[in-house]
């Protein structure tokens, strides 16, 4: 992971790299296996929403706003970092709509396809239901280097478990400009629409 003083950012994985340039509002995706580069326009950050200070009551099926806590400053391997914790309340899925019921006068009532059927015999056991899991908030803790302006340690905890990402800060020197350019010999591929 590299970041330049003018805001360009590069993230490498074994087979790809992603380079973002906020000034030009473009991202470059490098495929190192195929030696291809795809230039994609970046979307500016969305603004708008409710006016400041107005209460926000999420409708059922919507995500509530995250709670943000400042964790202060600390040191990781000699680098000063600032920490923030983002807590997102559990998601409440929308309720399942009911099947419409139609009654026609004088006609026999047929069951609708997909509608639940009555038990075959009195006293028969009900079909098994999925277990109800307790709602668990999603918590993300991010420690960002004050000098490099890049995340050094990220911990994400959800109902599925915990994932920790650690980026060892190696150097605070300005990366070479070629780190944020398409390498020679790469074919430029049009983005998928």
Protein backbone atom coordinates (compact mmCIF):
# COMPACT_ATOMS: atom_id res chain seq x y z
CA UNK A 1 0.00 0.00 0.00
CA UNK A 2 1.38 3.41 -0.99
CA UNK A 3 0.06 6.94 -0.61
CA UNK A 4 1.52 10.10 -2.10
CA UNK A 5 1.40 13.54 -0.49
CA UNK A 6 -1.04 14.73 -3.21
CA UNK A 7 -3.60 12.01 -2.29
CA UNK A 8 -2.86 9.29 -4.87
CA UNK A 9 -3.23 5.82 -3.40
CA UNK A 10 -2.10 2.36 -4.55
CA UNK A 11 -3.11 -1.00 -3.11
CA UNK A 12 -1.38 -4.15 -4.38
CA UNK A 13 -2.55 -7.75 -4.17
CA UNK A 14 -0.71 -10.71 -5.71
CA UNK A 15 -2.50 -10.44 -9.09
CA UNK A 16 -3.90 -6.89 -9.21
CA UNK A 17 -3.27 -3.32 -8.16
CA UNK A 18 -5.72 -0.47 -7.73
CA UNK A 19 -4.49 3.10 -8.12
CA UNK A 20 -6.79 6.00 -7.23
CA UNK A 21 -6.23 9.66 -8.03
CA UNK A 22 -8.75 11.97 -6.36
CA UNK A 23 -7.52 15.00 -8.34
CA UNK A 24 -8.39 13.43 -11.71
CA UNK A 25 -11.37 11.47 -10.27
CA UNK A 26 -10.05 8.27 -11.90
CA UNK A 27 -9.05 4.84 -10.69
CA UNK A 28 -6.75 2.44 -12.53
CA UNK A 29 -7.12 -1.32 -12.09
CA UNK A 30 -3.98 -3.23 -13.11
CA UNK A 31 -4.25 -6.94 -13.97
CA UNK A 32 -0.66 -8.18 -13.58
CA UNK A 33 -1.45 -11.63 -15.03
CA UNK A 34 -2.98 -10.33 -18.31
CA UNK A 35 -0.81 -7.15 -18.32
CA UNK A 36 -3.96 -5.02 -18.75
CA UNK A 37 -5.02 -1.69 -17.28
CA UNK A 38 -8.61 -0.48 -16.93
CA UNK A 39 -9.27 3.21 -16.23
CA UNK A 40 -12.52 3.80 -14.35
CA UNK A 41 -14.08 7.17 -13.45
CA UNK A 42 -14.51 7.62 -9.69
CA UNK A 43 -17.82 8.78 -8.28
CA UNK A 44 -17.63 11.93 -6.15
CA UNK A 45 -18.78 11.49 -2.57
CA UNK A 46 -22.55 11.75 -2.34
CA UNK A 47 -23.92 14.68 -0.44
CA UNK A 48 -27.38 15.53 0.63
CA UNK A 49 -29.82 13.73 2.83
CA UNK A 50 -31.62 15.13 5.81
CA UNK A 51 -30.83 18.66 6.98
CA UNK A 52 -28.36 18.85 9.89
CA UNK A 53 -29.98 18.49 13.28
CA UNK A 54 -33.12 16.77 11.99
CA UNK A 55 -33.95 13.46 13.62
CA UNK A 56 -33.45 10.34 11.53
CA UNK A 57 -35.80 7.46 12.12
CA UNK A 58 -34.87 4.52 9.88
CA UNK A 59 -37.73 2.63 8.27
CA UNK A 60 -37.85 -1.12 8.73
CA UNK A 61 -35.32 -2.71 6.38
CA UNK A 62 -32.98 0.30 6.45
CA UNK A 63 -29.63 0.56 8.18
CA UNK A 64 -29.36 2.99 11.07
CA UNK A 65 -26.50 5.51 11.06
CA UNK A 66 -23.17 4.41 12.51
CA UNK A 67 -21.99 5.55 15.93
CA UNK A 68 -18.44 6.95 15.69
CA UNK A 69 -16.10 7.00 18.70
CA UNK A 70 -12.69 8.70 18.81
CA UNK A 71 -10.17 6.30 20.36
CA UNK A 72 -7.41 8.91 20.63
CA UNK A 73 -3.77 8.59 19.61
CA UNK A 74 -1.38 5.69 20.08
CA UNK A 75 1.85 4.28 18.62
CA UNK A 76 2.20 1.25 16.33
CA UNK A 77 5.81 0.25 15.53
CA UNK A 78 7.06 3.79 16.12
CA UNK A 79 4.34 5.44 14.03
CA UNK A 80 1.80 7.77 15.62
CA UNK A 81 -1.75 6.60 14.83
CA UNK A 82 -5.26 7.88 15.50
CA UNK A 83 -8.07 5.44 16.22
CA UNK A 84 -11.78 5.50 15.48
CA UNK A 85 -14.47 2.92 16.22
CA UNK A 86 -17.52 2.68 13.98
CA UNK A 87 -20.49 0.77 15.41
CA UNK A 88 -23.34 -0.06 13.06
CA UNK A 89 -26.52 -1.35 14.73
CA UNK A 90 -27.88 -4.73 13.60
CA UNK A 91 -29.76 -4.69 10.32
CA UNK A 92 -33.49 -5.33 10.62
CA UNK A 93 -34.77 -6.92 7.40
CA UNK A 94 -38.14 -5.81 6.05
CA UNK A 95 -41.14 -7.89 7.04
CA UNK A 96 -42.41 -10.45 4.57
CA UNK A 97 -45.51 -9.23 2.70
CA UNK A 98 -48.70 -11.20 3.18
CA UNK A 99 -50.24 -13.13 0.33
CA UNK A 100 -53.39 -11.45 -1.03
CA UNK A 101 -56.63 -13.21 -0.19
CA UNK A 102 -59.35 -13.16 -2.79
CA UNK A 103 -62.84 -14.43 -2.17
CA UNK A 104 -65.18 -14.97 -5.03
CA UNK A 105 -68.85 -15.37 -4.16
CA UNK A 106 -70.14 -18.87 -4.86
CA UNK A 107 -66.79 -20.21 -6.11
CA UNK A 108 -64.69 -22.90 -4.48
CA UNK A 109 -61.57 -21.45 -2.89
CA UNK A 110 -58.37 -22.84 -4.40
CA UNK A 111 -55.10 -22.46 -2.58
CA UNK A 112 -52.61 -20.05 -4.08
CA UNK A 113 -49.29 -21.46 -5.30
CA UNK A 114 -46.58 -20.92 -2.71
CA UNK A 115 -49.11 -20.25 0.08
CA UNK A 116 -48.57 -22.17 3.32
CA UNK A 117 -50.70 -25.28 3.57
CA UNK A 118 -52.71 -26.33 6.62
CA UNK A 119 -51.34 -29.30 8.61
CA UNK A 120 -52.30 -32.65 7.09
CA UNK A 121 -53.60 -34.11 10.31
CA UNK A 122 -54.57 -32.70 13.68
CA UNK A 123 -51.66 -32.91 16.11
CA UNK A 124 -49.02 -33.19 13.33
CA UNK A 125 -45.75 -31.43 14.18
CA UNK A 126 -45.12 -28.02 12.64
CA UNK A 127 -42.31 -27.76 10.08
CA UNK A 128 -38.93 -26.71 11.52
CA UNK A 129 -38.13 -23.00 11.54
CA UNK A 130 -34.77 -21.27 11.13
CA UNK A 131 -33.21 -20.43 14.51
CA UNK A 132 -33.50 -16.83 15.67
CA UNK A 133 -30.00 -15.41 16.14
CA UNK A 134 -29.48 -12.50 18.52
CA UNK A 135 -28.83 -9.25 16.66
CA UNK A 136 -25.13 -8.34 16.75
CA UNK A 137 -23.83 -4.90 15.82
CA UNK A 138 -21.02 -4.58 13.28
CA UNK A 139 -17.96 -2.92 14.85
CA UNK A 140 -15.01 -1.60 12.83
CA UNK A 141 -11.92 -0.19 14.54
CA UNK A 142 -9.47 1.72 12.32
CA UNK A 143 -6.03 2.99 13.38
CA UNK A 144 -4.67 5.46 10.80
CA UNK A 145 -1.08 6.75 10.57
CA UNK A 146 -1.03 10.49 11.32
CA UNK A 147 1.89 11.08 8.94
CA UNK A 148 1.02 8.66 6.12
CA UNK A 149 -2.77 9.20 6.26
CA UNK A 150 -3.26 5.48 5.60
CA UNK A 151 -4.84 2.77 7.77
CA UNK A 152 -2.29 0.68 9.67
CA UNK A 153 -4.59 -1.61 11.69
CA UNK A 154 -8.25 -2.44 10.99
CA UNK A 155 -10.43 -4.82 13.03
CA UNK A 156 -13.92 -5.73 11.81
CA UNK A 157 -16.22 -7.70 14.11
CA UNK A 158 -19.59 -8.99 12.86
CA UNK A 159 -21.87 -11.91 13.66
CA UNK A 160 -19.70 -13.94 11.23
CA UNK A 161 -16.54 -13.39 13.30
CA UNK A 162 -13.55 -11.05 13.47
CA UNK A 163 -11.14 -10.02 10.71
CA UNK A 164 -7.93 -8.09 11.38
CA UNK A 165 -5.90 -6.36 8.67
CA UNK A 166 -2.45 -5.05 9.51
CA UNK A 167 -0.36 -2.97 7.12
CA UNK A 168 3.17 -2.65 8.44
CA UNK A 169 4.31 0.96 7.99
CA UNK A 170 7.71 0.70 6.35
CA UNK A 171 8.69 4.17 5.19
CA UNK A 172 7.37 7.69 5.39
CA UNK A 173 9.30 8.74 2.27
CA UNK A 174 7.40 10.00 -0.79
CA UNK A 175 6.84 7.08 -3.21
CA UNK A 176 8.23 7.37 -6.75
CA UNK A 177 5.62 8.86 -9.18
CA UNK A 178 5.84 5.70 -11.35
CA UNK A 179 4.01 3.80 -8.57
CA UNK A 180 0.82 5.64 -9.62
CA UNK A 181 1.16 5.15 -13.39
CA UNK A 182 0.32 2.34 -15.81
CA UNK A 183 3.50 0.25 -16.31
CA UNK A 184 5.05 0.05 -19.78
CA UNK A 185 3.79 -2.88 -21.85
CA UNK A 186 0.29 -2.92 -20.28
CA UNK A 187 -2.63 -2.82 -22.71
CA UNK A 188 -5.36 -0.29 -21.81
CA UNK A 189 -8.71 -2.05 -21.71
CA UNK A 190 -12.04 -0.15 -21.83
CA UNK A 191 -14.13 -0.35 -18.61
CA UNK A 192 -17.19 -2.60 -18.51
CA UNK A 193 -20.42 -0.63 -18.68
